[in-house]
C-alpha atoms as a PDB file:
ATOM      1  CA  MET A   1    -213.071-105.441 164.590  1.00  0.00           C
ATOM      2  CA  PRO A   2    -213.831-102.062 162.887  1.00  0.00           C
ATOM      3  CA  THR A   3    -213.619 -98.929 164.989  1.00  0.00           C
ATOM      4  CA  LYS A   4    -216.796 -96.865 165.322  1.00  0.00           C
ATOM      5  CA  LEU A   5    -216.477 -93.124 164.938  1.00  0.00           C
ATOM      6  CA  ARG A   6    -219.096 -90.564 165.970  1.00  0.00           C
ATOM      7  CA  LEU A   7    -218.770 -88.792 162.609  1.00  0.00           C
ATOM      8  CA  GLY A   8    -220.476 -90.709 159.868  1.00  0.00           C
ATOM      9  CA  ALA A   9    -220.162 -90.416 156.067  1.00  0.00           C
ATOM     10  CA  LEU A  10    -219.829 -86.842 154.924  1.00  0.00           C
ATOM     11  CA  PRO A  11    -222.692 -85.191 153.109  1.00  0.00           C
ATOM     12  CA  LYS A  12    -222.086 -82.938 150.143  1.00  0.00           C
ATOM     13  CA  GLN A  13    -222.763 -79.268 150.896  1.00  0.00           C
ATOM     14  CA  GLU A  14    -221.992 -75.706 149.892  1.00  0.00           C
ATOM     15  CA  THR A  15    -218.821 -74.389 151.512  1.00  0.00           C
ATOM     16  CA  VAL A  16    -217.072 -71.101 152.235  1.00  0.00           C
ATOM     17  CA  LYS A  17    -213.323 -70.726 152.931  1.00  0.00           C
ATOM     18  CA  MET A  18    -212.101 -69.867 156.437  1.00  0.00           C
ATOM     19  CA  THR A  19    -208.476 -69.937 157.601  1.00  0.00           C
ATOM     20  CA  VAL A  20    -207.637 -71.105 161.126  1.00  0.00           C
ATOM     21  CA  SER A  21    -204.431 -71.837 163.064  1.00  0.00           C
ATOM     22  CA  LEU A  22    -204.280 -75.042 165.063  1.00  0.00           C
ATOM     23  CA  PRO A  23    -201.776 -76.402 167.592  1.00  0.00           C
ATOM     24  CA  ALA A  24    -199.515 -78.950 165.935  1.00  0.00           C
ATOM     25  CA  ALA A  25    -200.808 -81.736 168.220  1.00  0.00           C
ATOM     26  CA  LEU A  26    -204.417 -81.015 167.252  1.00  0.00           C
ATOM     27  CA  LYS A  27    -203.490 -81.068 163.507  1.00  0.00           C
ATOM     28  CA  ALA A  28    -201.810 -84.398 164.016  1.00  0.00           C
ATOM     29  CA  ASP A  29    -204.880 -85.802 165.848  1.00  0.00           C
ATOM     30  CA  LEU A  30    -207.187 -84.513 163.054  1.00  0.00           C
ATOM     31  CA  GLU A  31    -205.008 -86.164 160.458  1.00  0.00           C
ATOM     32  CA  ARG A  32    -205.102 -89.548 162.324  1.00  0.00           C
ATOM     33  CA  TYR A  33    -208.895 -89.229 162.687  1.00  0.00           C
ATOM     34  CA  ALA A  34    -209.149 -88.512 158.933  1.00  0.00           C
ATOM     35  CA  ALA A  35    -207.131 -91.641 158.191  1.00  0.00           C
ATOM     36  CA  MET A  36    -209.423 -93.758 160.375  1.00  0.00           C
ATOM     37  CA  HIS A  37    -212.532 -92.155 158.834  1.00  0.00           C
ATOM     38  CA  SER A  38    -211.211 -92.820 155.345  1.00  0.00           C
ATOM     39  CA  GLN A  39    -210.529 -96.442 156.133  1.00  0.00           C
ATOM     40  CA  LEU A  40    -213.868 -96.960 157.859  1.00  0.00           C
ATOM     41  CA  HIS A  41    -216.001 -95.355 155.143  1.00  0.00           C
ATOM     42  CA  GLY A  42    -213.934 -96.386 152.147  1.00  0.00           C
ATOM     43  CA  GLU A  43    -213.615 -92.812 150.800  1.00  0.00           C
ATOM     44  CA  GLU A  44    -210.417 -90.776 151.091  1.00  0.00           C
ATOM     45  CA  VAL A  45    -210.942 -87.604 153.177  1.00  0.00           C
ATOM     46  CA  ASP A  46    -208.450 -85.206 154.649  1.00  0.00           C
ATOM     47  CA  ALA A  47    -208.523 -83.327 157.949  1.00  0.00           C
ATOM     48  CA  ALA A  48    -209.550 -80.043 156.329  1.00  0.00           C
ATOM     49  CA  ALA A  49    -212.686 -81.725 154.901  1.00  0.00           C
ATOM     50  CA  LEU A  50    -213.553 -83.317 158.248  1.00  0.00           C
ATOM     51  CA  ALA A  51    -213.108 -80.229 160.447  1.00  0.00           C
ATOM     52  CA  PRO A  52    -216.365 -78.423 159.404  1.00  0.00           C
ATOM     53  CA  HIS A  53    -218.403 -81.561 160.048  1.00  0.00           C
ATOM     54  CA  MET A  54    -216.764 -82.041 163.417  1.00  0.00           C
ATOM     55  CA  LEU A  55    -217.475 -78.458 164.386  1.00  0.00           C
ATOM     56  CA  ALA A  56    -221.112 -78.698 163.224  1.00  0.00           C
ATOM     57  CA  TRP A  57    -221.553 -81.904 165.230  1.00  0.00           C
ATOM     58  CA  PHE A  58    -220.060 -80.212 168.326  1.00  0.00           C
ATOM     59  CA  LEU A  59    -222.386 -77.181 168.019  1.00  0.00           C
ATOM     60  CA  LYS A  60    -225.435 -79.349 167.438  1.00  0.00           C
ATOM     61  CA  ASN A  61    -224.662 -81.356 170.558  1.00  0.00           C
ATOM     62  CA  ASP A  62    -223.563 -78.567 172.903  1.00  0.00           C
ATOM     63  CA  ARG A  63    -226.556 -78.151 175.209  1.00  0.00           C
ATOM     64  CA  GLY A  64    -225.554 -74.728 176.431  1.00  0.00           C
ATOM     65  CA  PHE A  65    -225.232 -73.415 172.891  1.00  0.00           C
ATOM     66  CA  ARG A  66    -228.518 -74.961 171.820  1.00  0.00           C
ATOM     67  CA  ARG A  67    -230.374 -73.580 174.889  1.00  0.00           C
ATOM     68  CA  ARG A  68    -229.301 -70.010 174.083  1.00  0.00           C
ATOM     69  CA  ASN A  69    -229.661 -70.245 170.289  1.00  0.00           C
ATOM     70  CA  GLY A  70    -232.417 -72.332 169.568  1.00  0.00           C
END
């Protein structure tokens, strides 16, 4: 049975570069998530490509942030 992930197929969009430092355990989790996402959607994607979409989803769904910004 396929696993469902909250993050769907990735849209194409304009990007800017930003460098961040992550704890090793978080990087490993992101890489595992990217592998699952790639398998589920049939398109190879790495953790660096997923991270902006995950952050956007988080901000969109954070009620406190939305309440103050929008």
